[in-house]
Amino acid sequence: MIRTIKKFFSDRISEQEPTEEERQHALQVAASVLLIEISRSDAHVSEVEEKKILDVLQKSFSLDQEESENLMTLANDKTDDAVSFHEFTREINDQFSADEKVKLVKMLWDVAMADGEIDKYEDYYIRKITDLLYVSHSDFIRMKHKAIEEAES
């Protein structure tokens, strides 16, 4: 009897294990949501920021134009329904390496710098996300300076 119950639950649990493709997609959505949140943080989403998000998604995840647009649409919907960053940062913490998280912080700064300036709310949210991702303050500052230098050149 106990063996049957264990088998029933183990079969159900193993059926629900996501595939590598599903994990990768969830990770892309989580990163996209954070990028969109940064673009929305200053209460004005510019066309330049939207283009930057698409560009960053294409380069970072090796997506084509259509895939990145679909991802951004899905992420926009998720962002509208999101209550906090925690569900997205948890996904990233579970799946990303430390170096990948630093690259994500750089992506956030790139979006913030897309319109040529960093708003105080953009800075605040990137700092908050960086803390939730357990990225060091020195990496936070280093990626900020790197994004500023690249935007100015």
Protein backbone atom coordinates (compact mmCIF):
# COMPACT_ATOMS: atom_id res chain seq x y z
CA MET A 1 0.00 0.00 0.00
CA ILE A 2 2.71 2.50 0.98
CA ARG A 3 4.72 1.51 -2.07
CA THR A 4 1.72 2.29 -4.29
CA ILE A 5 1.27 5.71 -2.68
CA LYS A 6 4.97 6.53 -3.05
CA LYS A 7 4.90 5.46 -6.70
CA PHE A 8 1.82 7.60 -7.34
CA PHE A 9 3.46 10.72 -5.91
CA SER A 10 6.86 10.10 -7.47
CA ASP A 11 5.21 9.65 -10.88
CA ARG A 12 3.31 12.93 -10.45
CA ILE A 13 6.38 14.83 -9.30
CA SER A 14 8.56 13.53 -12.14
CA GLU A 15 5.85 14.43 -14.69
CA GLN A 16 5.94 18.03 -13.53
CA GLU A 17 9.72 18.44 -13.80
CA PRO A 18 10.31 21.17 -16.40
CA THR A 19 12.45 20.47 -19.43
CA GLU A 20 15.67 22.40 -20.09
CA GLU A 21 13.85 24.40 -22.78
CA GLU A 22 11.09 25.32 -20.30
CA ARG A 23 13.69 26.34 -17.71
CA GLN A 24 15.52 28.50 -20.24
CA HIS A 25 12.28 30.15 -21.32
CA ALA A 26 11.30 30.87 -17.70
CA LEU A 27 14.71 32.41 -17.16
CA GLN A 28 14.39 34.59 -20.24
CA VAL A 29 10.97 35.77 -19.10
CA ALA A 30 12.28 36.57 -15.62
CA ALA A 31 15.19 38.59 -17.02
CA SER A 32 12.87 40.35 -19.48
CA VAL A 33 10.45 41.33 -16.72
CA LEU A 34 13.28 42.93 -14.76
CA LEU A 35 14.43 44.85 -17.84
CA ILE A 36 10.90 46.10 -18.45
CA GLU A 37 10.55 47.10 -14.80
CA ILE A 38 13.64 49.27 -15.13
CA SER A 39 12.27 50.96 -18.23
CA ARG A 40 9.00 51.66 -16.40
CA SER A 41 10.61 52.84 -13.16
CA ASP A 42 10.93 56.49 -14.21
CA ALA A 43 7.24 56.60 -15.26
CA HIS A 44 8.21 57.14 -18.89
CA VAL A 45 9.02 54.27 -21.20
CA SER A 46 10.77 55.70 -24.22
CA GLU A 47 11.00 54.10 -27.61
CA VAL A 48 14.78 54.07 -27.19
CA GLU A 49 14.43 51.98 -24.01
CA GLU A 50 12.09 49.52 -25.74
CA LYS A 51 14.55 49.13 -28.61
CA LYS A 52 17.37 48.65 -26.13
CA ILE A 53 15.46 45.90 -24.35
CA LEU A 54 14.87 44.09 -27.65
CA ASP A 55 18.53 44.50 -28.57
CA VAL A 56 19.72 43.21 -25.18
CA LEU A 57 17.36 40.23 -25.35
CA GLN A 58 18.54 39.32 -28.85
CA LYS A 59 22.22 39.53 -27.96
CA SER A 60 22.02 37.93 -24.52
CA PHE A 61 19.77 35.01 -25.40
CA SER A 62 20.63 34.57 -29.11
CA LEU A 63 17.08 35.34 -30.23
CA ASP A 64 15.84 36.66 -33.54
CA GLN A 65 13.67 39.77 -33.83
CA GLU A 66 10.36 37.90 -33.68
CA GLU A 67 11.39 35.76 -30.70
CA SER A 68 12.57 38.81 -28.74
CA GLU A 69 9.35 40.69 -29.53
CA ASN A 70 7.25 37.71 -28.39
CA LEU A 71 9.33 37.44 -25.24
CA MET A 72 8.90 41.14 -24.55
CA THR A 73 5.12 40.90 -25.05
CA LEU A 74 4.92 37.99 -22.62
CA ALA A 75 7.17 39.79 -20.13
CA ASN A 76 5.03 42.93 -20.36
CA ASP A 77 1.98 40.86 -19.43
CA LYS A 78 3.84 39.26 -16.53
CA THR A 79 5.07 42.67 -15.39
CA ASP A 80 1.51 44.00 -15.31
CA ASP A 81 0.51 41.10 -13.04
CA ALA A 82 3.63 41.11 -10.85
CA VAL A 83 3.43 42.09 -7.22
CA SER A 84 7.17 42.12 -6.55
CA PHE A 85 10.56 41.23 -8.02
CA HIS A 86 10.94 38.20 -5.78
CA GLU A 87 9.39 35.57 -8.02
CA PHE A 88 11.63 36.65 -10.90
CA THR A 89 14.83 37.07 -8.90
CA ARG A 90 14.25 33.68 -7.28
CA GLU A 91 14.12 32.07 -10.73
CA ILE A 92 17.34 33.85 -11.70
CA ASN A 93 19.07 32.94 -8.44
CA ASP A 94 18.13 29.30 -8.96
CA GLN A 95 19.39 29.14 -12.53
CA PHE A 96 22.07 31.81 -13.15
CA SER A 97 25.70 31.62 -12.16
CA ALA A 98 27.30 34.56 -10.35
CA ASP A 99 28.83 35.82 -13.62
CA GLU A 100 25.48 35.59 -15.41
CA LYS A 101 23.85 37.63 -12.66
CA VAL A 102 26.52 40.32 -13.04
CA LYS A 103 25.82 40.35 -16.80
CA LEU A 104 22.12 40.77 -16.03
CA VAL A 105 22.92 43.77 -13.83
CA LYS A 106 24.86 45.21 -16.78
CA MET A 107 21.80 44.64 -18.99
CA LEU A 108 19.68 46.56 -16.48
CA TRP A 109 22.14 49.47 -16.56
CA ASP A 110 22.15 49.39 -20.36
CA VAL A 111 18.37 49.83 -20.40
CA ALA A 112 18.55 52.61 -17.80
CA MET A 113 21.19 54.42 -19.90
CA ALA A 114 19.31 53.97 -23.20
CA ASP A 115 17.77 57.44 -22.97
CA GLY A 116 21.09 59.02 -22.01
CA GLU A 117 20.51 59.44 -18.29
CA ILE A 118 19.95 57.38 -15.18
CA ASP A 119 16.88 58.42 -13.27
CA LYS A 120 16.97 58.13 -9.48
CA TYR A 121 14.20 55.51 -9.60
CA GLU A 122 16.11 53.45 -12.16
CA ASP A 123 19.14 53.57 -9.88
CA TYR A 124 17.02 52.57 -6.88
CA TYR A 125 15.41 49.59 -8.61
CA ILE A 126 18.66 48.32 -10.06
CA ARG A 127 20.20 48.53 -6.59
CA LYS A 128 17.23 46.61 -5.17
CA ILE A 129 17.39 43.93 -7.86
CA THR A 130 21.16 43.65 -7.40
CA ASP A 131 20.65 43.01 -3.70
CA LEU A 132 17.99 40.38 -4.40
CA LEU A 133 20.38 38.65 -6.81
CA TYR A 134 23.18 38.68 -4.22
CA VAL A 135 25.46 40.62 -6.57
CA SER A 136 28.17 42.57 -4.75
CA HIS A 137 28.08 46.33 -4.48
CA SER A 138 31.42 46.57 -6.29
CA ASP A 139 29.95 44.67 -9.27
CA PHE A 140 26.87 46.91 -9.12
CA ILE A 141 29.11 50.02 -9.40
CA ARG A 142 31.44 48.43 -11.96
CA MET A 143 28.53 47.53 -14.27
CA LYS A 144 27.04 50.99 -13.86
CA HIS A 145 30.28 52.66 -14.91
CA LYS A 146 30.72 50.25 -17.78
CA ALA A 147 27.20 51.00 -19.09
CA ILE A 148 27.79 54.76 -18.78
CA GLU A 149 31.11 54.52 -20.63
CA GLU A 150 29.57 52.46 -23.43
CA ALA A 151 26.60 54.82 -23.77
CA GLU A 152 28.87 57.86 -23.97
CA SER A 153 31.12 56.38 -26.65
